[in-house]
Amino acid sequence: MFFGQRVKELRKSKNLTQQKLADMINVTKVSICCYEKGTRTPNLETFIDLVEKLDTTPDYLLGRDINAVAEGEEPYYITIKNEEWEFISESRKNREISKRINENPKRFIQYINSRL
C-alpha cells in the first residue's frame, strides 16, 4: 500500500489535484484515484512518468526508501533504505546502545563486526 499513499502524499505536497496530475502524465483522474487507493497499478511507462512528475525515486514510490528531513536547518531531503531506518528505530529503543552509537559510530560498527 506504500505506492498509493506515497503518490497521494507527493501529489498533495506539490499542490496538485488528481486531475492536474492525471493531465501531466496522460491518464484519467479515475486512474490517479485508483493508484492512490491501491486498486490499480500503473504500467511501466506511467510509473516512470509519475516518478518524474512527482520528482521522486522509484524506490521511494515502491516503499523501499524513506525521506528524512533534517531538523533545525533549511529543509532538505535524504533517502535511506527501510532496513537502515528499522536499525535506527530499533537502536533508539535501547538508550545505552543509542548512546554508544551516537558517541562513536565507527567504533560501534567495528565492535559489531568483531563479534560476527
Protein backbone atom coordinates (compact mmCIF):
# COMPACT_ATOMS: atom_id res chain seq x y z
CA MET A 1 0.00 0.00 0.00
CA PHE A 2 3.06 2.25 0.13
CA PHE A 3 2.70 3.18 -3.50
CA GLY A 4 -0.76 4.72 -3.28
CA GLN A 5 -0.08 6.54 -0.04
CA ARG A 6 3.13 7.99 -1.38
CA VAL A 7 1.62 9.08 -4.69
CA LYS A 8 -1.10 10.91 -2.75
CA GLU A 9 1.37 12.43 -0.29
CA LEU A 10 3.66 13.71 -3.05
CA ARG A 11 0.78 14.96 -5.17
CA LYS A 12 -0.61 16.97 -2.27
CA SER A 13 2.84 18.31 -1.30
CA LYS A 14 3.10 19.74 -4.81
CA ASN A 15 -0.42 21.21 -4.56
CA LEU A 16 -1.63 19.10 -7.46
CA THR A 17 -5.18 17.88 -7.85
CA GLN A 18 -5.79 14.38 -9.08
CA GLN A 19 -6.96 15.88 -12.35
CA LYS A 20 -3.84 18.04 -12.76
CA LEU A 21 -1.52 15.08 -12.11
CA ALA A 22 -3.57 12.94 -14.48
CA ASP A 23 -3.21 15.57 -17.20
CA MET A 24 0.54 15.74 -16.61
CA ILE A 25 1.01 12.01 -17.18
CA ASN A 26 -1.75 11.46 -19.75
CA VAL A 27 -4.09 9.27 -17.71
CA THR A 28 -7.56 9.87 -16.29
CA LYS A 29 -8.40 11.30 -12.90
CA VAL A 30 -10.01 7.94 -12.09
CA SER A 31 -6.64 6.25 -12.71
CA ILE A 32 -4.92 8.56 -10.21
CA CYS A 33 -7.69 7.90 -7.70
CA CYS A 34 -7.28 4.14 -8.19
CA TYR A 35 -3.49 4.34 -7.84
CA GLU A 36 -3.90 6.20 -4.56
CA LYS A 37 -6.48 3.71 -3.25
CA GLY A 38 -4.36 0.75 -4.33
CA THR A 39 -6.99 -0.74 -6.62
CA ARG A 40 -4.95 -0.24 -9.78
CA THR A 41 -1.24 -0.14 -10.62
CA PRO A 42 0.28 1.89 -13.44
CA ASN A 43 2.11 0.35 -16.35
CA LEU A 44 5.87 0.91 -16.55
CA GLU A 45 5.64 3.99 -18.76
CA THR A 46 3.10 5.64 -16.46
CA PHE A 47 5.13 4.67 -13.39
CA ILE A 48 8.19 6.40 -14.87
CA ASP A 49 6.07 9.47 -15.64
CA LEU A 50 4.85 9.54 -12.04
CA VAL A 51 8.42 9.35 -10.75
CA GLU A 52 9.47 12.24 -12.97
CA LYS A 53 6.44 14.48 -12.40
CA LEU A 54 6.44 13.91 -8.65
CA ASP A 55 10.21 14.47 -8.52
CA THR A 56 10.93 11.33 -6.55
CA THR A 57 12.61 7.95 -6.96
CA PRO A 58 11.18 4.58 -7.93
CA ASP A 59 12.39 3.14 -4.63
CA TYR A 60 10.51 5.77 -2.65
CA LEU A 61 7.23 5.16 -4.52
CA LEU A 62 7.61 1.42 -4.05
CA GLY A 63 8.13 1.80 -0.31
CA ARG A 64 11.75 0.69 -0.32
CA ASP A 65 13.13 4.04 0.86
CA ILE A 66 12.00 6.82 3.13
CA ASN A 67 12.74 10.52 3.02
CA ALA A 68 14.15 12.14 6.11
CA VAL A 69 14.20 15.86 6.79
CA ALA A 70 16.97 17.38 8.90
CA GLU A 71 15.66 19.30 11.90
CA GLY A 72 16.63 22.86 12.71
CA GLU A 73 18.06 23.60 9.30
CA GLU A 74 16.73 24.62 5.95
CA PRO A 75 14.64 21.69 4.74
CA TYR A 76 16.32 19.15 2.51
CA TYR A 77 15.67 15.51 1.90
CA ILE A 78 17.84 12.45 2.01
CA THR A 79 16.74 8.95 1.19
CA ILE A 80 17.61 5.95 3.31
CA LYS A 81 16.68 2.31 2.93
CA ASN A 82 13.87 0.88 5.06
CA GLU A 83 16.33 -1.56 6.62
CA GLU A 84 18.51 1.34 7.74
CA TRP A 85 15.52 3.14 9.21
CA GLU A 86 14.50 -0.02 11.07
CA PHE A 87 18.01 -0.29 12.51
CA ILE A 88 17.90 3.32 13.67
CA SER A 89 14.42 2.92 15.16
CA GLU A 90 15.32 -0.27 16.99
CA SER A 91 18.60 1.13 18.32
CA ARG A 92 16.76 4.16 19.74
CA LYS A 93 14.67 1.84 21.89
CA ASN A 94 17.74 1.00 23.96
CA ARG A 95 19.27 4.13 25.48
CA GLU A 96 22.66 2.57 26.13
CA ILE A 97 23.05 1.29 22.59
CA SER A 98 21.79 4.56 21.15
CA LYS A 99 24.26 6.50 23.31
CA ARG A 100 27.20 4.33 22.21
CA ILE A 101 26.28 4.60 18.54
CA ASN A 102 25.99 8.38 18.74
CA GLU A 103 29.23 8.82 20.69
CA ASN A 104 31.37 6.90 18.21
CA PRO A 105 29.52 5.23 15.34
CA LYS A 106 32.66 3.93 13.64
CA ARG A 107 33.91 2.26 16.82
CA PHE A 108 30.49 0.73 17.48
CA ILE A 109 30.39 -0.79 13.98
CA GLN A 110 33.91 -2.13 14.43
CA TYR A 111 32.77 -3.72 17.69
CA ILE A 112 29.79 -5.35 15.97
CA ASN A 113 32.00 -6.60 13.14
CA SER A 114 34.44 -8.14 15.62
CA ARG A 115 31.59 -10.13 17.15
CA LEU A 116 30.31 -11.57 13.85
